[in-house]
PDB file of N, CA and C in Angstrom:
ATOM      1  N   UNK A   1       0.837  -1.193   0.000  1.00  0.00           N
ATOM      2  CA  UNK A   1       0.000   0.000   0.000  1.00  0.00           C
ATOM      3  C   UNK A   1       0.878   1.252   0.000  1.00  0.00           C
ATOM      4  N   UNK A   2       0.334   2.312  -0.501  1.00  0.00           N
ATOM      5  CA  UNK A   2       1.057   3.574  -0.582  1.00  0.00           C
ATOM      6  C   UNK A   2       0.937   4.368   0.713  1.00  0.00           C
ATOM      7  N   UNK A   3       1.909   5.243   0.948  1.00  0.00           N
ATOM      8  CA  UNK A   3       1.813   6.159   2.082  1.00  0.00           C
ATOM      9  C   UNK A   3       0.569   7.033   1.928  1.00  0.00           C
ATOM     10  N   UNK A   4       0.019   7.419   3.067  1.00  0.00           N
ATOM     11  CA  UNK A   4      -1.166   8.265   3.079  1.00  0.00           C
ATOM     12  C   UNK A   4      -0.807   9.613   3.670  1.00  0.00           C
ATOM     13  N   UNK A   5      -1.175  10.671   2.983  1.00  0.00           N
ATOM     14  CA  UNK A   5      -0.933  12.038   3.417  1.00  0.00           C
ATOM     15  C   UNK A   5      -2.268  12.663   3.786  1.00  0.00           C
ATOM     16  N   UNK A   6      -2.317  13.277   4.954  1.00  0.00           N
ATOM     17  CA  UNK A   6      -3.536  13.960   5.385  1.00  0.00           C
ATOM     18  C   UNK A   6      -3.158  15.354   5.866  1.00  0.00           C
ATOM     19  N   UNK A   7      -3.877  16.348   5.395  1.00  0.00           N
ATOM     20  CA  UNK A   7      -3.654  17.738   5.787  1.00  0.00           C
ATOM     21  C   UNK A   7      -4.963  18.271   6.350  1.00  0.00           C
ATOM     22  N   UNK A   8      -4.901  18.801   7.567  1.00  0.00           N
ATOM     23  CA  UNK A   8      -6.085  19.314   8.247  1.00  0.00           C
ATOM     24  C   UNK A   8      -5.823  20.750   8.680  1.00  0.00           C
ATOM     25  N   UNK A   9      -6.761  21.640   8.384  1.00  0.00           N
ATOM     26  CA  UNK A   9      -6.658  23.041   8.780  1.00  0.00           C
ATOM     27  C   UNK A   9      -7.689  23.321   9.871  1.00  0.00           C
ATOM     28  N   UNK A  10      -7.211  23.918  10.962  1.00  0.00           N
ATOM     29  CA  UNK A  10      -8.065  24.321  12.080  1.00  0.00           C
ATOM     30  C   UNK A  10      -8.057  25.840  12.162  1.00  0.00           C
ATOM     31  N   UNK A  11      -9.220  26.449  12.390  1.00  0.00           N
ATOM     32  CA  UNK A  11      -9.319  27.901  12.531  1.00  0.00           C
ATOM     33  C   UNK A  11      -9.893  28.225  13.917  1.00  0.00           C
ATOM     34  N   UNK A  12      -9.025  28.536  14.880  1.00  0.00           N
ATOM     35  CA  UNK A  12      -9.534  28.876  16.213  1.00  0.00           C
ATOM     36  C   UNK A  12     -10.372  30.152  16.195  1.00  0.00           C
ATOM     37  N   UNK A  13     -11.329  30.212  17.102  1.00  0.00           N
ATOM     38  CA  UNK A  13     -12.113  31.427  17.282  1.00  0.00           C
ATOM     39  C   UNK A  13     -11.210  32.563  17.739  1.00  0.00           C
ATOM     40  N   UNK A  14     -11.638  33.784  17.472  1.00  0.00           N
ATOM     41  CA  UNK A  14     -10.909  34.979  17.915  1.00  0.00           C
ATOM     42  C   UNK A  14     -10.621  34.869  19.412  1.00  0.00           C
ATOM     43  N   UNK A  15      -9.371  35.047  19.785  1.00  0.00           N
ATOM     44  CA  UNK A  15      -8.968  35.017  21.185  1.00  0.00           C
ATOM     45  C   UNK A  15      -8.725  33.627  21.751  1.00  0.00           C
ATOM     46  N   UNK A  16      -8.894  32.575  20.935  1.00  0.00           N
ATOM     47  CA  UNK A  16      -8.729  31.200  21.417  1.00  0.00           C
ATOM     48  C   UNK A  16      -7.478  30.517  20.869  1.00  0.00           C
ATOM     49  N   UNK A  17      -6.666  31.241  20.129  1.00  0.00           N
ATOM     50  CA  UNK A  17      -5.489  30.631  19.493  1.00  0.00           C
ATOM     51  C   UNK A  17      -4.501  30.040  20.473  1.00  0.00           C
ATOM     52  N   UNK A  18      -4.202  30.754  21.554  1.00  0.00           N
ATOM     53  CA  UNK A  18      -3.238  30.242  22.526  1.00  0.00           C
ATOM     54  C   UNK A  18      -3.758  28.985  23.210  1.00  0.00           C
ATOM     55  N   UNK A  19      -5.026  29.000  23.581  1.00  0.00           N
ATOM     56  CA  UNK A  19      -5.613  27.828  24.234  1.00  0.00           C
ATOM     57  C   UNK A  19      -5.642  26.642  23.269  1.00  0.00           C
ATOM     58  N   UNK A  20      -5.970  26.897  22.003  1.00  0.00           N
ATOM     59  CA  UNK A  20      -5.978  25.822  21.020  1.00  0.00           C
ATOM     60  C   UNK A  20      -4.575  25.252  20.838  1.00  0.00           C
ATOM     61  N   UNK A  21      -3.589  26.112  20.816  1.00  0.00           N
ATOM     62  CA  UNK A  21      -2.206  25.654  20.671  1.00  0.00           C
ATOM     63  C   UNK A  21      -1.813  24.738  21.837  1.00  0.00           C
ATOM     64  N   UNK A  22      -2.265  25.056  23.038  1.00  0.00           N
ATOM     65  CA  UNK A  22      -2.016  24.193  24.201  1.00  0.00           C
ATOM     66  C   UNK A  22      -2.701  22.843  24.020  1.00  0.00           C
ATOM     67  N   UNK A  23      -3.895  22.850  23.455  1.00  0.00           N
ATOM     68  CA  UNK A  23      -4.615  21.599  23.214  1.00  0.00           C
ATOM     69  C   UNK A  23      -3.917  20.757  22.139  1.00  0.00           C
ATOM     70  N   UNK A  24      -3.274  21.405  21.167  1.00  0.00           N
ATOM     71  CA  UNK A  24      -2.495  20.656  20.169  1.00  0.00           C
ATOM     72  C   UNK A  24      -1.354  19.907  20.843  1.00  0.00           C
ATOM     73  N   UNK A  25      -0.746  20.519  21.853  1.00  0.00           N
ATOM     74  CA  UNK A  25       0.327  19.846  22.592  1.00  0.00           C
ATOM     75  C   UNK A  25      -0.218  18.593  23.283  1.00  0.00           C
ATOM     76  N   UNK A  26      -1.442  18.657  23.765  1.00  0.00           N
ATOM     77  CA  UNK A  26      -2.067  17.480  24.375  1.00  0.00           C
ATOM     78  C   UNK A  26      -2.288  16.396  23.325  1.00  0.00           C
ATOM     79  N   UNK A  27      -2.653  16.793  22.103  1.00  0.00           N
ATOM     80  CA  UNK A  27      -2.832  15.824  21.025  1.00  0.00           C
ATOM     81  C   UNK A  27      -1.518  15.111  20.721  1.00  0.00           C
ATOM     82  N   UNK A  28      -0.426  15.846  20.741  1.00  0.00           N
ATOM     83  CA  UNK A  28       0.889  15.232  20.523  1.00  0.00           C
ATOM     84  C   UNK A  28       1.144  14.161  21.581  1.00  0.00           C
ATOM     85  N   UNK A  29       0.810  14.457  22.819  1.00  0.00           N
ATOM     86  CA  UNK A  29       0.991  13.487  23.904  1.00  0.00           C
ATOM     87  C   UNK A  29       0.070  12.280  23.730  1.00  0.00           C
ATOM     88  N   UNK A  30      -1.160  12.509  23.297  1.00  0.00           N
ATOM     89  CA  UNK A  30      -2.086  11.405  23.019  1.00  0.00           C
ATOM     90  C   UNK A  30      -1.499  10.509  21.928  1.00  0.00           C
ATOM     91  N   UNK A  31      -0.939  11.132  20.886  1.00  0.00           N
ATOM     92  CA  UNK A  31      -0.334  10.367  19.785  1.00  0.00           C
ATOM     93  C   UNK A  31       0.843   9.536  20.265  1.00  0.00           C
ATOM     94  N   UNK A  32       1.633  10.089  21.181  1.00  0.00           N
ATOM     95  CA  UNK A  32       2.768   9.339  21.728  1.00  0.00           C
ATOM     96  C   UNK A  32       2.277   8.165  22.563  1.00  0.00           C
ATOM     97  N   UNK A  33       1.306   8.411  23.419  1.00  0.00           N
ATOM     98  CA  UNK A  33       0.797   7.373  24.323  1.00  0.00           C
ATOM     99  C   UNK A  33       0.148   6.220  23.561  1.00  0.00           C
ATOM    100  N   UNK A  34      -0.502   6.524  22.457  1.00  0.00           N
ATOM    101  CA  UNK A  34      -1.188   5.484  21.686  1.00  0.00           C
ATOM    102  C   UNK A  34      -0.248   4.721  20.755  1.00  0.00           C
ATOM    103  N   UNK A  35       0.965   5.232  20.571  1.00  0.00           N
ATOM    104  CA  UNK A  35       1.903   4.619  19.641  1.00  0.00           C
ATOM    105  C   UNK A  35       1.794   5.145  18.229  1.00  0.00           C
ATOM    106  N   UNK A  36       0.822   6.028  17.981  1.00  0.00           N
ATOM    107  CA  UNK A  36       0.645   6.587  16.643  1.00  0.00           C
ATOM    108  C   UNK A  36       1.882   7.370  16.202  1.00  0.00           C
ATOM    109  N   UNK A  37       2.511   8.064  17.143  1.00  0.00           N
ATOM    110  CA  UNK A  37       3.692   8.868  16.818  1.00  0.00           C
ATOM    111  C   UNK A  37       4.856   8.003  16.339  1.00  0.00           C
ATOM    112  N   UNK A  38       4.859   6.731  16.725  1.00  0.00           N
ATOM    113  CA  UNK A  38       5.905   5.813  16.266  1.00  0.00           C
ATOM    114  C   UNK A  38       5.635   5.291  14.858  1.00  0.00           C
ATOM    115  N   UNK A  39       4.396   5.394  14.406  1.00  0.00           N
ATOM    116  CA  UNK A  39       4.001   4.844  13.109  1.00  0.00           C
ATOM    117  C   UNK A  39       3.870   5.906  12.022  1.00  0.00           C
ATOM    118  N   UNK A  40       3.713   7.168  12.420  1.00  0.00           N
ATOM    119  CA  UNK A  40       3.418   8.227  11.452  1.00  0.00           C
ATOM    120  C   UNK A  40       4.239   9.471  11.756  1.00  0.00           C
ATOM    121  N   UNK A  41       4.381  10.307  10.755  1.00  0.00           N
ATOM    122  CA  UNK A  41       4.995  11.623  10.930  1.00  0.00           C
ATOM    123  C   UNK A  41       3.861  12.627  11.045  1.00  0.00           C
ATOM    124  N   UNK A  42       3.870  13.409  12.131  1.00  0.00           N
ATOM    125  CA  UNK A  42       2.821  14.407  12.358  1.00  0.00           C
ATOM    126  C   UNK A  42       3.501  15.732  12.697  1.00  0.00           C
ATOM    127  N   UNK A  43       3.143  16.766  11.968  1.00  0.00           N
ATOM    128  CA  UNK A  43       3.696  18.105  12.184  1.00  0.00           C
ATOM    129  C   UNK A  43       2.565  19.122  12.230  1.00  0.00           C
ATOM    130  N   UNK A  44       2.769  20.168  13.011  1.00  0.00           N
ATOM    131  CA  UNK A  44       1.818  21.273  13.112  1.00  0.00           C
ATOM    132  C   UNK A  44       2.525  22.567  12.753  1.00  0.00           C
ATOM    133  N   UNK A  45       1.804  23.448  12.082  1.00  0.00           N
ATOM    134  CA  UNK A  45       2.318  24.757  11.708  1.00  0.00           C
ATOM    135  C   UNK A  45       1.242  25.796  11.961  1.00  0.00           C
ATOM    136  N   UNK A  46       1.645  26.918  12.551  1.00  0.00           N
ATOM    137  CA  UNK A  46       0.722  28.036  12.738  1.00  0.00           C
ATOM    138  C   UNK A  46       0.910  28.993  11.571  1.00  0.00           C
ATOM    139  N   UNK A  47      -0.178  29.363  10.935  1.00  0.00           N
ATOM    140  CA  UNK A  47      -0.135  30.274   9.793  1.00  0.00           C
ATOM    141  C   UNK A  47      -0.273  31.721  10.250  1.00  0.00           C
ATOM    142  N   UNK A  48       0.083  32.640   9.378  1.00  0.00           N
ATOM    143  CA  UNK A  48       0.022  34.069   9.708  1.00  0.00           C
ATOM    144  C   UNK A  48      -1.388  34.536  10.060  1.00  0.00           C
ATOM    145  N   UNK A  49      -2.415  33.863   9.540  1.00  0.00           N
ATOM    146  CA  UNK A  49      -3.794  34.282   9.823  1.00  0.00           C
ATOM    147  C   UNK A  49      -4.326  33.709  11.141  1.00  0.00           C
ATOM    148  N   UNK A  50      -3.474  32.981  11.892  1.00  0.00           N
ATOM    149  CA  UNK A  50      -3.868  32.422  13.181  1.00  0.00           C
ATOM    150  C   UNK A  50      -4.423  31.014  13.103  1.00  0.00           C
ATOM    151  N   UNK A  51      -4.593  30.482  11.903  1.00  0.00           N
ATOM    152  CA  UNK A  51      -5.057  29.106  11.773  1.00  0.00           C
ATOM    153  C   UNK A  51      -3.862  28.155  11.907  1.00  0.00           C
ATOM    154  N   UNK A  52      -4.170  26.875  12.074  1.00  0.00           N
ATOM    155  CA  UNK A  52      -3.137  25.856  12.244  1.00  0.00           C
ATOM    156  C   UNK A  52      -3.333  24.783  11.188  1.00  0.00           C
ATOM    157  N   UNK A  53      -2.219  24.241  10.714  1.00  0.00           N
ATOM    158  CA  UNK A  53      -2.223  23.149   9.756  1.00  0.00           C
ATOM    159  C   UNK A  53      -1.569  21.940  10.421  1.00  0.00           C
ATOM    160  N   UNK A  54      -2.227  20.792  10.301  1.00  0.00           N
ATOM    161  CA  UNK A  54      -1.671  19.523  10.763  1.00  0.00           C
ATOM    162  C   UNK A  54      -1.378  18.694   9.521  1.00  0.00           C
ATOM    163  N   UNK A  55      -0.152  18.192   9.423  1.00  0.00           N
ATOM    164  CA  UNK A  55       0.250  17.354   8.303  1.00  0.00           C
ATOM    165  C   UNK A  55       0.635  15.990   8.863  1.00  0.00           C
ATOM    166  N   UNK A  56       0.001  14.942   8.332  1.00  0.00           N
ATOM    167  CA  UNK A  56       0.302  13.578   8.768  1.00  0.00           C
ATOM    168  C   UNK A  56       0.691  12.742   7.557  1.00  0.00           C
ATOM    169  N   UNK A  57       1.774  12.010   7.709  1.00  0.00           N
ATOM    170  CA  UNK A  57       2.164  11.036   6.697  1.00  0.00           C
ATOM    171  C   UNK A  57       2.188   9.687   7.397  1.00  0.00           C
ATOM    172  N   UNK A  58       1.325   8.792   6.939  1.00  0.00           N
ATOM    173  CA  UNK A  58       1.189   7.461   7.526  1.00  0.00           C
ATOM    174  C   UNK A  58       1.687   6.431   6.510  1.00  0.00           C
ATOM    175  N   UNK A  59       2.234   5.313   6.987  1.00  0.00           N
ATOM    176  CA  UNK A  59       2.734   4.310   6.047  1.00  0.00           C
ATOM    177  C   UNK A  59       1.644   3.712   5.167  1.00  0.00           C
ATOM    178  N   UNK A  60       0.385   3.768   5.654  1.00  0.00           N
ATOM    179  CA  UNK A  60      -0.741   3.276   4.857  1.00  0.00           C
ATOM    180  C   UNK A  60      -2.038   3.803   5.463  1.00  0.00           C
ATOM    181  N   UNK A  61      -3.129   3.619   4.757  1.00  0.00           N
ATOM    182  CA  UNK A  61      -4.426   4.120   5.196  1.00  0.00           C
ATOM    183  C   UNK A  61      -4.885   3.445   6.487  1.00  0.00           C
ATOM    184  N   UNK A  62      -4.513   2.188   6.702  1.00  0.00           N
ATOM    185  CA  UNK A  62      -4.928   1.478   7.907  1.00  0.00           C
ATOM    186  C   UNK A  62      -4.415   2.159   9.174  1.00  0.00           C
ATOM    187  N   UNK A  63      -3.201   2.680   9.139  1.00  0.00           N
ATOM    188  CA  UNK A  63      -2.641   3.387  10.300  1.00  0.00           C
ATOM    189  C   UNK A  63      -3.456   4.643  10.576  1.00  0.00           C
ATOM    190  N   UNK A  64      -3.789   5.379   9.544  1.00  0.00           N
ATOM    191  CA  UNK A  64      -4.591   6.591   9.702  1.00  0.00           C
ATOM    192  C   UNK A  64      -5.982   6.267  10.253  1.00  0.00           C
ATOM    193  N   UNK A  65      -6.620   5.276   9.713  1.00  0.00           N
ATOM    194  CA  UNK A  65      -7.957   4.888  10.172  1.00  0.00           C
ATOM    195  C   UNK A  65      -7.907   4.382  11.609  1.00  0.00           C
ATOM    196  N   UNK A  66      -6.837   3.683  11.970  1.00  0.00           N
ATOM    197  CA  UNK A  66      -6.700   3.169  13.323  1.00  0.00           C
ATOM    198  C   UNK A  66      -6.638   4.252  14.382  1.00  0.00           C
ATOM    199  N   UNK A  67      -6.222   5.438  14.001  1.00  0.00           N
ATOM    200  CA  UNK A  67      -6.096   6.558  14.935  1.00  0.00           C
ATOM    201  C   UNK A  67      -7.323   7.462  14.902  1.00  0.00           C
ATOM    202  N   UNK A  68      -8.236   7.210  14.015  1.00  0.00           N
ATOM    203  CA  UNK A  68      -9.360   8.105  13.769  1.00  0.00           C
ATOM    204  C   UNK A  68     -10.227   8.345  15.005  1.00  0.00           C
ATOM    205  N   UNK A  69     -10.544   7.306  15.773  1.00  0.00           N
ATOM    206  CA  UNK A  69     -11.417   7.489  16.935  1.00  0.00           C
ATOM    207  C   UNK A  69     -10.803   8.416  17.972  1.00  0.00           C
ATOM    208  N   UNK A  70      -9.511   8.228  18.272  1.00  0.00           N
ATOM    209  CA  UNK A  70      -8.851   9.104  19.241  1.00  0.00           C
ATOM    210  C   UNK A  70      -8.758  10.527  18.709  1.00  0.00           C
ATOM    211  N   UNK A  71      -8.488  10.670  17.414  1.00  0.00           N
ATOM    212  CA  UNK A  71      -8.419  11.999  16.821  1.00  0.00           C
ATOM    213  C   UNK A  71      -9.750  12.725  16.873  1.00  0.00           C
ATOM    214  N   UNK A  72     -10.826  12.010  16.592  1.00  0.00           N
ATOM    215  CA  UNK A  72     -12.149  12.632  16.644  1.00  0.00           C
ATOM    216  C   UNK A  72     -12.560  12.970  18.076  1.00  0.00           C
ATOM    217  N   UNK A  73     -12.172  12.138  19.028  1.00  0.00           N
ATOM    218  CA  UNK A  73     -12.458  12.451  20.437  1.00  0.00           C
ATOM    219  C   UNK A  73     -11.738  13.725  20.845  1.00  0.00           C
ATOM    220  N   UNK A  74     -10.482  13.873  20.406  1.00  0.00           N
ATOM    221  CA  UNK A  74      -9.742  15.106  20.710  1.00  0.00           C
ATOM    222  C   UNK A  74     -10.427  16.294  20.040  1.00  0.00           C
ATOM    223  N   UNK A  75     -10.824  16.145  18.780  1.00  0.00           N
ATOM    224  CA  UNK A  75     -11.486  17.229  18.062  1.00  0.00           C
ATOM    225  C   UNK A  75     -12.773  17.644  18.764  1.00  0.00           C
ATOM    226  N   UNK A  76     -13.531  16.680  19.247  1.00  0.00           N
ATOM    227  CA  UNK A  76     -14.741  17.004  20.012  1.00  0.00           C
ATOM    228  C   UNK A  76     -14.409  17.814  21.261  1.00  0.00           C
ATOM    229  N   UNK A  77     -13.262  17.522  21.880  1.00  0.00           N
ATOM    230  CA  UNK A  77     -12.882  18.217  23.115  1.00  0.00           C
ATOM    231  C   UNK A  77     -12.485  19.667  22.873  1.00  0.00           C
ATOM    232  N   UNK A  78     -12.112  20.014  21.634  1.00  0.00           N
ATOM    233  CA  UNK A  78     -11.717  21.395  21.319  1.00  0.00           C
ATOM    234  C   UNK A  78     -12.752  22.107  20.456  1.00  0.00           C
ATOM    235  N   UNK A  79     -13.898  21.481  20.272  1.00  0.00           N
ATOM    236  CA  UNK A  79     -14.962  22.031  19.433  1.00  0.00           C
ATOM    237  C   UNK A  79     -15.294  23.486  19.794  1.00  0.00           C
ATOM    238  N   UNK A  80     -15.344  23.784  21.076  1.00  0.00           N
ATOM    239  CA  UNK A  80     -15.723  25.125  21.543  1.00  0.00           C
ATOM    240  C   UNK A  80     -14.684  26.192  21.210  1.00  0.00           C
ATOM    241  N   UNK A  81     -13.500  25.784  20.752  1.00  0.00           N
ATOM    242  CA  UNK A  81     -12.425  26.720  20.416  1.00  0.00           C
ATOM    243  C   UNK A  81     -12.345  27.021  18.920  1.00  0.00           C
ATOM    244  N   UNK A  82     -13.137  26.316  18.112  1.00  0.00           N
ATOM    245  CA  UNK A  82     -12.970  26.388  16.659  1.00  0.00           C
ATOM    246  C   UNK A  82     -14.109  27.092  15.942  1.00  0.00           C
ATOM    247  N   UNK A  83     -13.728  27.818  14.892  1.00  0.00           N
ATOM    248  CA  UNK A  83     -14.714  28.385  13.974  1.00  0.00           C
ATOM    249  C   UNK A  83     -15.298  27.241  13.158  1.00  0.00           C
ATOM    250  N   UNK A  84     -16.531  27.389  12.761  1.00  0.00           N
ATOM    251  CA  UNK A  84     -17.177  26.393  11.919  1.00  0.00           C
ATOM    252  C   UNK A  84     -17.620  27.058  10.612  1.00  0.00           C
ATOM    253  N   UNK A  85     -17.613  26.279   9.549  1.00  0.00           N
ATOM    254  CA  UNK A  85     -18.078  26.835   8.279  1.00  0.00           C
ATOM    255  C   UNK A  85     -19.607  26.771   8.227  1.00  0.00           C
ATOM    256  N   UNK A  86     -20.171  27.175   7.107  1.00  0.00           N
ATOM    257  CA  UNK A  86     -21.629  27.253   6.978  1.00  0.00           C
ATOM    258  C   UNK A  86     -22.311  25.888   7.118  1.00  0.00           C
ATOM    259  N   UNK A  87     -21.560  24.804   6.949  1.00  0.00           N
ATOM    260  CA  UNK A  87     -22.104  23.461   7.103  1.00  0.00           C
ATOM    261  C   UNK A  87     -21.813  22.857   8.473  1.00  0.00           C
ATOM    262  N   UNK A  88     -21.166  23.647   9.346  1.00  0.00           N
ATOM    263  CA  UNK A  88     -20.852  23.179  10.687  1.00  0.00           C
ATOM    264  C   UNK A  88     -19.538  22.434  10.813  1.00  0.00           C
ATOM    265  N   UNK A  89     -18.759  22.383   9.740  1.00  0.00           N
ATOM    266  CA  UNK A  89     -17.477  21.680   9.786  1.00  0.00           C
ATOM    267  C   UNK A  89     -16.452  22.487  10.579  1.00  0.00           C
ATOM    268  N   UNK A  90     -15.687  21.793  11.416  1.00  0.00           N
ATOM    269  CA  UNK A  90     -14.674  22.434  12.260  1.00  0.00           C
ATOM    270  C   UNK A  90     -13.319  22.484  11.596  1.00  0.00           C
ATOM    271  N   UNK A  91     -13.160  21.760  10.502  1.00  0.00           N
ATOM    272  CA  UNK A  91     -11.861  21.669   9.832  1.00  0.00           C
ATOM    273  C   UNK A  91     -12.041  21.737   8.320  1.00  0.00           C
ATOM    274  N   UNK A  92     -10.926  21.979   7.658  1.00  0.00           N
ATOM    275  CA  UNK A  92     -10.819  21.762   6.219  1.00  0.00           C
ATOM    276  C   UNK A  92      -9.775  20.668   6.089  1.00  0.00           C
ATOM    277  N   UNK A  93     -10.069  19.616   5.364  1.00  0.00           N
ATOM    278  CA  UNK A  93      -9.147  18.484   5.310  1.00  0.00           C
ATOM    279  C   UNK A  93      -9.099  17.864   3.929  1.00  0.00           C
ATOM    280  N   UNK A  94      -7.935  17.293   3.646  1.00  0.00           N
ATOM    281  CA  UNK A  94      -7.753  16.525   2.418  1.00  0.00           C
ATOM    282  C   UNK A  94      -6.830  15.351   2.758  1.00  0.00           C
ATOM    283  N   UNK A  95      -7.154  14.193   2.201  1.00  0.00           N
ATOM    284  CA  UNK A  95      -6.346  12.993   2.411  1.00  0.00           C
ATOM    285  C   UNK A  95      -6.157  12.317   1.072  1.00  0.00           C
ATOM    286  N   UNK A  96      -4.955  11.814   0.859  1.00  0.00           N
ATOM    287  CA  UNK A  96      -4.674  11.092  -0.379  1.00  0.00           C
ATOM    288  C   UNK A  96      -3.406  10.281  -0.245  1.00  0.00           C
ATOM    289  N   UNK A  97      -2.995   9.665  -1.322  1.00  0.00           N
ATOM    290  CA  UNK A  97      -1.806   8.827  -1.337  1.00  0.00           C
ATOM    291  C   UNK A  97      -0.625   9.599  -1.895  1.00  0.00           C
ATOM    292  N   UNK A  98       0.584   9.288  -1.395  1.00  0.00           N
ATOM    293  CA  UNK A  98       1.782   9.995  -1.851  1.00  0.00           C
ATOM    294  C   UNK A  98       2.331   9.423  -3.147  1.00  0.00           C
ATOM    295  N   UNK A  99       2.048   8.177  -3.458  1.00  0.00           N
ATOM    296  CA  UNK A  99       2.527   7.522  -4.682  1.00  0.00           C
ATOM    297  C   UNK A  99       4.022   7.654  -4.867  1.00  0.00           C
ATOM    298  N   UNK A 100       4.739   7.128  -3.885  1.00  0.00           N
ATOM    299  CA  UNK A 100       6.209   7.008  -3.977  1.00  0.00           C
ATOM    300  C   UNK A 100       6.911   8.348  -4.225  1.00  0.00           C
ATOM    301  N   UNK A 101       6.764   9.272  -3.289  1.00  0.00           N
ATOM    302  CA  UNK A 101       7.422  10.580  -3.408  1.00  0.00           C
ATOM    303  C   UNK A 101       8.930  10.503  -3.263  1.00  0.00           C
ATOM    304  N   UNK A 102       9.447   9.412  -2.791  1.00  0.00           N
ATOM    305  CA  UNK A 102      10.888   9.320  -2.507  1.00  0.00           C
ATOM    306  C   UNK A 102      11.731   9.381  -3.751  1.00  0.00           C
TER     307      UNK A 102
END
């Protein structure tokens, strides 16, 4: 199977950026405790507009799906800190395969 790349954008509410950033640190710890951090590369970047980007590269889709429940539980815990779009979505996300980028 091919590596799986997932990019997620979070937009904290006005005045909630620092608190959201602290919650991202908790997500990193959750990933370490679950072993996900040993299986995947996960990076976070803060953009100039105050939003955050999470980039995950997993060896395959099964690893990404295996972490989905814990990731969604964390997302539910920070729901009150995030802007939502007109459909109620808390994130903008895209997932696909890398197709041998090496």
